């Protein structure tokens, strides 16, 4: 388990054109990081999201949506503050976290939602 946590696997980059396929039609749950390059807190949690991509591999798809480059779905999701983390299952948002949330809190929330299946 320890080596899995230290492996770096990048989250999937989602765009307005791939959003439906990657998130709404995904057969597995998705943790989406809504971010922008100029956002300091977004840069702070970027390594956390990479760690979670490795730790949750096989159970949860981790994805990133640059809200500046993809305003369509950012607007549709009602993103007003970043970073915003959204947890999707079967195309539905089940959980939302706003701000630079610690890894332990993000992972606990995701695992709790996985148990809710």
C-alpha atoms as a PDB file:
ATOM      1  CA  UNK A   1       0.000   0.000   0.000  1.00  0.00           C
ATOM      2  CA  UNK A   2       2.783   2.435   0.866  1.00  0.00           C
ATOM      3  CA  UNK A   3       4.440   2.149  -2.547  1.00  0.00           C
ATOM      4  CA  UNK A   4       1.073   2.681  -4.232  1.00  0.00           C
ATOM      5  CA  UNK A   5       0.608   5.962  -2.320  1.00  0.00           C
ATOM      6  CA  UNK A   6       3.967   7.317  -3.462  1.00  0.00           C
ATOM      7  CA  UNK A   7       3.465   6.467  -7.126  1.00  0.00           C
ATOM      8  CA  UNK A   8       2.633   9.528  -9.198  1.00  0.00           C
ATOM      9  CA  UNK A   9      -0.183   9.063 -11.665  1.00  0.00           C
ATOM     10  CA  UNK A  10      -1.651  12.191 -13.186  1.00  0.00           C
ATOM     11  CA  UNK A  11      -5.378  12.871 -12.966  1.00  0.00           C
ATOM     12  CA  UNK A  12      -7.276  12.816 -16.257  1.00  0.00           C
ATOM     13  CA  UNK A  13      -7.655  16.246 -17.867  1.00  0.00           C
ATOM     14  CA  UNK A  14     -11.338  16.785 -18.661  1.00  0.00           C
ATOM     15  CA  UNK A  15     -12.606  19.392 -21.124  1.00  0.00           C
ATOM     16  CA  UNK A  16     -16.021  20.637 -22.137  1.00  0.00           C
ATOM     17  CA  UNK A  17     -15.852  18.204 -25.080  1.00  0.00           C
ATOM     18  CA  UNK A  18     -14.869  15.135 -22.988  1.00  0.00           C
ATOM     19  CA  UNK A  19     -16.900  15.897 -19.854  1.00  0.00           C
ATOM     20  CA  UNK A  20     -19.928  13.743 -20.686  1.00  0.00           C
ATOM     21  CA  UNK A  21     -17.834  10.703 -21.643  1.00  0.00           C
ATOM     22  CA  UNK A  22     -15.265  10.972 -18.833  1.00  0.00           C
ATOM     23  CA  UNK A  23     -17.621  11.907 -15.989  1.00  0.00           C
ATOM     24  CA  UNK A  24     -21.299  11.533 -16.691  1.00  0.00           C
ATOM     25  CA  UNK A  25     -20.951   8.220 -18.550  1.00  0.00           C
ATOM     26  CA  UNK A  26     -18.078   6.825 -16.470  1.00  0.00           C
ATOM     27  CA  UNK A  27     -18.694   3.274 -15.216  1.00  0.00           C
ATOM     28  CA  UNK A  28     -16.709   4.079 -12.069  1.00  0.00           C
ATOM     29  CA  UNK A  29     -17.078   6.931  -9.583  1.00  0.00           C
ATOM     30  CA  UNK A  30     -15.178  10.138 -10.398  1.00  0.00           C
ATOM     31  CA  UNK A  31     -13.494  12.711  -8.157  1.00  0.00           C
ATOM     32  CA  UNK A  32     -13.347  15.973 -10.142  1.00  0.00           C
ATOM     33  CA  UNK A  33     -10.993  18.828  -9.233  1.00  0.00           C
ATOM     34  CA  UNK A  34     -12.271  22.143 -10.655  1.00  0.00           C
ATOM     35  CA  UNK A  35      -9.249  24.438 -10.780  1.00  0.00           C
ATOM     36  CA  UNK A  36      -7.370  27.217 -12.610  1.00  0.00           C
ATOM     37  CA  UNK A  37      -3.610  27.760 -13.090  1.00  0.00           C
ATOM     38  CA  UNK A  38      -3.623  31.170 -11.366  1.00  0.00           C
ATOM     39  CA  UNK A  39      -5.290  29.782  -8.202  1.00  0.00           C
ATOM     40  CA  UNK A  40      -2.818  29.358  -5.319  1.00  0.00           C
ATOM     41  CA  UNK A  41      -4.954  26.903  -3.313  1.00  0.00           C
ATOM     42  CA  UNK A  42      -5.483  24.888  -6.517  1.00  0.00           C
ATOM     43  CA  UNK A  43      -1.714  24.565  -6.942  1.00  0.00           C
ATOM     44  CA  UNK A  44      -1.462  23.562  -3.277  1.00  0.00           C
ATOM     45  CA  UNK A  45      -3.779  20.572  -3.672  1.00  0.00           C
ATOM     46  CA  UNK A  46      -2.438  19.489  -7.097  1.00  0.00           C
ATOM     47  CA  UNK A  47       0.107  17.055  -5.554  1.00  0.00           C
ATOM     48  CA  UNK A  48      -2.633  15.730  -3.261  1.00  0.00           C
ATOM     49  CA  UNK A  49      -4.814  14.982  -6.278  1.00  0.00           C
ATOM     50  CA  UNK A  50      -1.898  13.134  -7.925  1.00  0.00           C
ATOM     51  CA  UNK A  51      -1.414  11.059  -4.762  1.00  0.00           C
ATOM     52  CA  UNK A  52      -5.131  10.282  -4.606  1.00  0.00           C
ATOM     53  CA  UNK A  53      -5.075   9.228  -8.264  1.00  0.00           C
ATOM     54  CA  UNK A  54      -2.614   6.481  -7.304  1.00  0.00           C
ATOM     55  CA  UNK A  55      -4.222   5.581  -3.968  1.00  0.00           C
ATOM     56  CA  UNK A  56      -7.751   5.341  -5.402  1.00  0.00           C
ATOM     57  CA  UNK A  57      -6.761   3.695  -8.706  1.00  0.00           C
ATOM     58  CA  UNK A  58      -9.238   0.990  -9.664  1.00  0.00           C
ATOM     59  CA  UNK A  59     -11.921   2.362  -7.332  1.00  0.00           C
ATOM     60  CA  UNK A  60     -12.246   6.001  -8.394  1.00  0.00           C
ATOM     61  CA  UNK A  61     -11.245   7.957 -11.487  1.00  0.00           C
ATOM     62  CA  UNK A  62      -9.572  11.261 -10.544  1.00  0.00           C
ATOM     63  CA  UNK A  63     -10.027  14.083 -13.051  1.00  0.00           C
ATOM     64  CA  UNK A  64      -9.286  17.798 -13.382  1.00  0.00           C
ATOM     65  CA  UNK A  65     -11.345  20.508 -15.099  1.00  0.00           C
ATOM     66  CA  UNK A  66      -9.606  23.813 -15.843  1.00  0.00           C
ATOM     67  CA  UNK A  67     -12.516  26.221 -15.312  1.00  0.00           C
ATOM     68  CA  UNK A  68     -10.881  29.027 -17.340  1.00  0.00           C
ATOM     69  CA  UNK A  69     -10.402  26.860 -20.431  1.00  0.00           C
ATOM     70  CA  UNK A  70     -13.715  25.017 -20.023  1.00  0.00           C
ATOM     71  CA  UNK A  71     -16.343  27.521 -18.901  1.00  0.00           C
ATOM     72  CA  UNK A  72     -19.283  25.493 -20.248  1.00  0.00           C
ATOM     73  CA  UNK A  73     -19.335  22.719 -17.685  1.00  0.00           C
ATOM     74  CA  UNK A  74     -17.863  24.932 -14.965  1.00  0.00           C
ATOM     75  CA  UNK A  75     -20.938  27.137 -15.359  1.00  0.00           C
ATOM     76  CA  UNK A  76     -23.297  24.183 -15.666  1.00  0.00           C
ATOM     77  CA  UNK A  77     -21.918  22.787 -12.398  1.00  0.00           C
ATOM     78  CA  UNK A  78     -22.325  26.160 -10.677  1.00  0.00           C
ATOM     79  CA  UNK A  79     -18.644  26.466  -9.804  1.00  0.00           C
ATOM     80  CA  UNK A  80     -18.196  29.818  -8.060  1.00  0.00           C
ATOM     81  CA  UNK A  81     -15.094  29.136  -5.935  1.00  0.00           C
ATOM     82  CA  UNK A  82     -11.995  27.106  -6.688  1.00  0.00           C
ATOM     83  CA  UNK A  83     -10.709  24.647  -5.936  1.00  0.00           C
ATOM     84  CA  UNK A  84     -13.977  22.765  -5.852  1.00  0.00           C
ATOM     85  CA  UNK A  85     -13.936  18.978  -5.626  1.00  0.00           C
ATOM     86  CA  UNK A  86     -16.989  17.071  -6.825  1.00  0.00           C
ATOM     87  CA  UNK A  87     -17.632  13.365  -6.356  1.00  0.00           C
ATOM     88  CA  UNK A  88     -19.732  11.784  -9.109  1.00  0.00           C
ATOM     89  CA  UNK A  89     -21.357   8.371  -9.316  1.00  0.00           C
ATOM     90  CA  UNK A  90     -23.603   7.356 -12.211  1.00  0.00           C
ATOM     91  CA  UNK A  91     -23.460  10.917 -13.556  1.00  0.00           C
ATOM     92  CA  UNK A  92     -24.772  12.438 -10.310  1.00  0.00           C
ATOM     93  CA  UNK A  93     -22.911  14.713  -7.883  1.00  0.00           C
ATOM     94  CA  UNK A  94     -22.905  13.019  -4.477  1.00  0.00           C
ATOM     95  CA  UNK A  95     -20.451  15.236  -2.607  1.00  0.00           C
ATOM     96  CA  UNK A  96     -18.805  18.646  -2.864  1.00  0.00           C
ATOM     97  CA  UNK A  97     -15.783  20.151  -1.099  1.00  0.00           C
ATOM     98  CA  UNK A  98     -14.689  23.754  -1.586  1.00  0.00           C
ATOM     99  CA  UNK A  99     -11.214  25.059  -0.830  1.00  0.00           C
ATOM    100  CA  UNK A 100      -7.799  23.505  -0.275  1.00  0.00           C
ATOM    101  CA  UNK A 101      -8.975  20.473   1.671  1.00  0.00           C
ATOM    102  CA  UNK A 102      -6.412  18.194   3.383  1.00  0.00           C
ATOM    103  CA  UNK A 103      -5.754  14.847   1.724  1.00  0.00           C
ATOM    104  CA  UNK A 104      -7.028  12.847   4.711  1.00  0.00           C
ATOM    105  CA  UNK A 105     -10.370  14.658   4.619  1.00  0.00           C
ATOM    106  CA  UNK A 106     -10.754  14.200   0.843  1.00  0.00           C
ATOM    107  CA  UNK A 107      -9.838  10.510   0.999  1.00  0.00           C
ATOM    108  CA  UNK A 108     -12.172   9.886   3.964  1.00  0.00           C
ATOM    109  CA  UNK A 109     -15.074  11.568   2.140  1.00  0.00           C
ATOM    110  CA  UNK A 110     -14.436   9.522  -1.019  1.00  0.00           C
ATOM    111  CA  UNK A 111     -14.150   6.247   0.897  1.00  0.00           C
ATOM    112  CA  UNK A 112     -17.340   7.054   2.811  1.00  0.00           C
ATOM    113  CA  UNK A 113     -19.167   7.581  -0.503  1.00  0.00           C
ATOM    114  CA  UNK A 114     -17.752   4.322  -1.868  1.00  0.00           C
ATOM    115  CA  UNK A 115     -19.185   2.472   1.138  1.00  0.00           C
ATOM    116  CA  UNK A 116     -22.584   4.098   0.462  1.00  0.00           C
ATOM    117  CA  UNK A 117     -22.957   2.096  -2.755  1.00  0.00           C
END
